């Protein structure tokens, strides 16, 4: 039962973040969240340079990391 409750909490969190991102209220940057998210819950939402498929990704145009003003763009300047 406890495992199920944890899964439900994660699902609610992910749905909330998706809605915030889709509405433009959140830019996808972890540092700009109003509450802290533990690493175990953040991990499934992110990727590193080895896993990123870049332009082959179906979500490339919506990627908060790669779009202008995103972390990757700021770091490469």
N, C-alpha and C. Protein backbone atom coordinates (compact mmCIF):
# COMPACT_ATOMS: atom_id res chain seq x y z
N UNK A 1 0.82 -1.20 0.00
CA UNK A 1 0.00 0.00 0.00
C UNK A 1 0.86 1.26 0.00
N UNK A 2 1.92 1.25 0.80
CA UNK A 2 2.80 2.41 0.89
C UNK A 2 3.45 2.72 -0.45
N UNK A 3 3.80 1.66 -1.18
CA UNK A 3 4.41 1.82 -2.50
C UNK A 3 3.41 2.47 -3.47
N UNK A 4 2.16 2.05 -3.37
CA UNK A 4 1.11 2.61 -4.21
C UNK A 4 0.91 4.09 -3.90
N UNK A 5 0.92 4.45 -2.64
CA UNK A 5 0.76 5.86 -2.25
C UNK A 5 1.91 6.70 -2.80
N UNK A 6 3.13 6.16 -2.76
CA UNK A 6 4.28 6.87 -3.31
C UNK A 6 4.14 7.07 -4.80
N UNK A 7 3.64 6.07 -5.50
CA UNK A 7 3.43 6.17 -6.94
C UNK A 7 2.38 7.22 -7.26
N UNK A 8 1.31 7.26 -6.47
CA UNK A 8 0.24 8.24 -6.69
C UNK A 8 0.78 9.65 -6.45
N UNK A 9 1.58 9.84 -5.41
CA UNK A 9 2.16 11.17 -5.14
C UNK A 9 3.07 11.61 -6.28
N UNK A 10 3.89 10.68 -6.79
CA UNK A 10 4.76 11.01 -7.92
C UNK A 10 3.94 11.39 -9.14
N UNK A 11 2.92 10.63 -9.42
CA UNK A 11 2.06 10.90 -10.58
C UNK A 11 1.42 12.28 -10.47
N UNK A 12 0.95 12.64 -9.29
CA UNK A 12 0.35 13.97 -9.07
C UNK A 12 1.39 15.06 -9.28
N UNK A 13 2.59 14.83 -8.76
CA UNK A 13 3.67 15.81 -8.93
C UNK A 13 4.00 16.00 -10.40
N UNK A 14 4.18 14.90 -11.13
CA UNK A 14 4.53 14.98 -12.54
C UNK A 14 3.42 15.65 -13.36
N UNK A 15 2.19 15.35 -13.03
CA UNK A 15 1.06 15.98 -13.73
C UNK A 15 1.03 17.48 -13.45
N UNK A 16 1.29 17.85 -12.20
CA UNK A 16 1.33 19.27 -11.83
C UNK A 16 2.44 19.99 -12.60
N UNK A 17 3.63 19.39 -12.64
CA UNK A 17 4.74 20.02 -13.36
C UNK A 17 4.45 20.13 -14.85
N UNK A 18 3.85 19.11 -15.42
CA UNK A 18 3.47 19.15 -16.83
C UNK A 18 2.49 20.28 -17.10
N UNK A 19 1.50 20.43 -16.26
CA UNK A 19 0.52 21.51 -16.42
C UNK A 19 1.17 22.88 -16.28
N UNK A 20 2.07 23.01 -15.32
CA UNK A 20 2.77 24.29 -15.12
C UNK A 20 3.62 24.63 -16.34
N UNK A 21 4.31 23.64 -16.88
CA UNK A 21 5.17 23.86 -18.04
C UNK A 21 4.32 24.17 -19.28
N UNK A 22 3.27 23.40 -19.49
CA UNK A 22 2.41 23.58 -20.67
C UNK A 22 1.73 24.94 -20.66
N UNK A 23 1.41 25.45 -19.49
CA UNK A 23 0.72 26.73 -19.39
C UNK A 23 1.69 27.92 -19.46
N UNK A 24 2.99 27.64 -19.35
CA UNK A 24 3.98 28.72 -19.38
C UNK A 24 4.28 29.31 -18.02
N UNK A 25 3.67 28.77 -16.97
CA UNK A 25 3.92 29.29 -15.61
C UNK A 25 5.27 28.81 -15.07
N UNK A 26 5.82 27.78 -15.67
CA UNK A 26 7.13 27.26 -15.27
C UNK A 26 7.94 27.01 -16.53
N UNK A 27 9.22 27.36 -16.50
CA UNK A 27 10.07 27.26 -17.69
C UNK A 27 10.80 25.93 -17.82
N UNK A 28 10.58 25.00 -16.91
CA UNK A 28 11.23 23.69 -16.97
C UNK A 28 12.53 23.61 -16.21
N UNK A 29 12.99 24.72 -15.67
CA UNK A 29 14.25 24.76 -14.92
C UNK A 29 13.98 24.39 -13.46
N UNK A 30 14.68 23.41 -12.97
CA UNK A 30 14.49 22.95 -11.59
C UNK A 30 14.72 24.09 -10.59
N UNK A 31 15.64 24.96 -10.88
CA UNK A 31 15.94 26.08 -9.98
C UNK A 31 14.79 27.08 -9.89
N UNK A 32 13.87 27.05 -10.84
CA UNK A 32 12.76 28.00 -10.84
C UNK A 32 11.47 27.42 -10.30
N UNK A 33 11.54 26.27 -9.65
CA UNK A 33 10.36 25.68 -9.02
C UNK A 33 10.07 26.39 -7.71
N UNK A 34 8.82 26.42 -7.32
CA UNK A 34 8.45 27.07 -6.06
C UNK A 34 8.73 26.18 -4.86
N UNK A 35 8.88 24.87 -5.10
CA UNK A 35 9.21 23.95 -4.02
C UNK A 35 10.34 23.03 -4.46
N UNK A 36 11.10 22.56 -3.51
CA UNK A 36 12.23 21.69 -3.81
C UNK A 36 11.74 20.28 -4.11
N UNK A 37 12.33 19.66 -5.12
CA UNK A 37 12.00 18.28 -5.47
C UNK A 37 13.23 17.43 -5.24
N UNK A 38 13.04 16.34 -4.50
CA UNK A 38 14.17 15.47 -4.20
C UNK A 38 14.69 14.80 -5.47
N UNK A 39 15.97 14.48 -5.45
CA UNK A 39 16.63 13.90 -6.62
C UNK A 39 15.93 12.66 -7.16
N UNK A 40 15.44 11.80 -6.28
CA UNK A 40 14.79 10.56 -6.71
C UNK A 40 13.54 10.84 -7.55
N UNK A 41 12.87 11.93 -7.29
CA UNK A 41 11.68 12.29 -8.07
C UNK A 41 12.03 13.10 -9.30
N UNK A 42 13.12 13.84 -9.25
CA UNK A 42 13.53 14.65 -10.39
C UNK A 42 14.19 13.81 -11.47
N UNK A 43 14.93 12.80 -11.07
CA UNK A 43 15.69 11.96 -12.01
C UNK A 43 14.93 11.48 -13.23
N UNK A 44 13.72 10.94 -13.08
CA UNK A 44 12.98 10.48 -14.26
C UNK A 44 12.57 11.59 -15.22
N UNK A 45 12.67 12.83 -14.79
CA UNK A 45 12.24 13.96 -15.62
C UNK A 45 13.37 14.58 -16.43
N UNK A 46 14.56 14.13 -16.22
CA UNK A 46 15.70 14.79 -16.83
C UNK A 46 16.58 13.81 -17.60
N UNK A 47 17.54 14.35 -18.28
CA UNK A 47 18.48 13.54 -19.07
C UNK A 47 19.85 14.20 -18.97
N UNK A 48 20.87 13.48 -19.37
CA UNK A 48 22.19 14.08 -19.46
C UNK A 48 22.64 14.08 -20.92
N UNK A 49 23.82 14.59 -21.17
CA UNK A 49 24.29 14.72 -22.55
C UNK A 49 24.47 13.36 -23.24
N UNK A 50 24.62 12.30 -22.48
CA UNK A 50 24.78 10.98 -23.08
C UNK A 50 23.44 10.37 -23.50
N UNK A 51 22.38 10.73 -22.84
CA UNK A 51 21.06 10.18 -23.14
C UNK A 51 20.24 11.06 -24.07
N UNK A 52 20.56 12.31 -24.16
CA UNK A 52 19.80 13.24 -25.00
C UNK A 52 19.96 12.87 -26.47
N UNK A 53 18.85 12.79 -27.18
CA UNK A 53 18.90 12.47 -28.61
C UNK A 53 18.86 13.73 -29.47
N UNK A 54 18.89 14.88 -28.84
CA UNK A 54 18.96 16.18 -29.50
C UNK A 54 17.85 16.32 -30.54
N UNK A 55 18.15 16.64 -31.76
CA UNK A 55 17.12 16.91 -32.77
C UNK A 55 16.28 15.69 -33.14
N UNK A 56 16.73 14.51 -32.79
CA UNK A 56 15.94 13.30 -33.07
C UNK A 56 14.81 13.09 -32.05
N UNK A 57 14.83 13.85 -30.97
CA UNK A 57 13.82 13.74 -29.92
C UNK A 57 12.50 14.34 -30.40
N UNK A 58 11.41 13.66 -30.12
CA UNK A 58 10.10 14.16 -30.54
C UNK A 58 9.69 15.41 -29.77
N UNK A 59 10.35 15.68 -28.65
CA UNK A 59 10.05 16.88 -27.85
C UNK A 59 11.11 17.96 -27.99
N UNK A 60 11.95 17.85 -28.99
CA UNK A 60 13.06 18.79 -29.16
C UNK A 60 12.60 20.24 -29.17
N UNK A 61 11.53 20.54 -29.89
CA UNK A 61 11.09 21.93 -30.02
C UNK A 61 10.55 22.50 -28.70
N UNK A 62 10.18 21.65 -27.76
CA UNK A 62 9.65 22.11 -26.48
C UNK A 62 10.66 21.94 -25.34
N UNK A 63 11.86 21.52 -25.64
CA UNK A 63 12.85 21.24 -24.60
C UNK A 63 13.30 22.51 -23.90
N UNK A 64 13.08 22.56 -22.59
CA UNK A 64 13.46 23.76 -21.83
C UNK A 64 14.97 23.89 -21.72
N UNK A 65 15.68 22.82 -21.90
CA UNK A 65 17.14 22.84 -21.79
C UNK A 65 17.79 23.40 -23.05
N UNK A 66 17.19 23.16 -24.19
CA UNK A 66 17.80 23.55 -25.46
C UNK A 66 17.22 24.80 -26.10
N UNK A 67 16.02 25.22 -25.70
CA UNK A 67 15.45 26.39 -26.35
C UNK A 67 16.17 27.66 -25.91
N UNK A 68 16.09 28.73 -26.69
CA UNK A 68 16.79 29.98 -26.34
C UNK A 68 16.49 30.41 -24.91
N UNK A 69 17.54 30.72 -24.19
CA UNK A 69 17.41 31.12 -22.80
C UNK A 69 17.51 29.95 -21.84
N UNK A 70 17.53 28.72 -22.38
CA UNK A 70 17.63 27.53 -21.54
C UNK A 70 19.04 27.38 -20.98
N UNK A 71 19.19 26.46 -20.06
CA UNK A 71 20.47 26.25 -19.39
C UNK A 71 21.60 25.98 -20.38
N UNK A 72 21.36 25.08 -21.33
CA UNK A 72 22.41 24.70 -22.28
C UNK A 72 22.87 25.91 -23.07
N UNK A 73 21.93 26.72 -23.53
CA UNK A 73 22.27 27.90 -24.32
C UNK A 73 23.07 28.88 -23.46
N UNK A 74 22.66 29.10 -22.21
CA UNK A 74 23.37 30.03 -21.33
C UNK A 74 24.77 29.53 -21.03
N UNK A 75 24.93 28.23 -20.85
CA UNK A 75 26.24 27.68 -20.51
C UNK A 75 27.20 27.69 -21.68
N UNK A 76 26.70 27.66 -22.88
CA UNK A 76 27.58 27.59 -24.03
C UNK A 76 28.04 28.95 -24.50
N UNK A 77 27.56 30.01 -23.90
CA UNK A 77 27.93 31.36 -24.34
C UNK A 77 29.32 31.72 -23.84
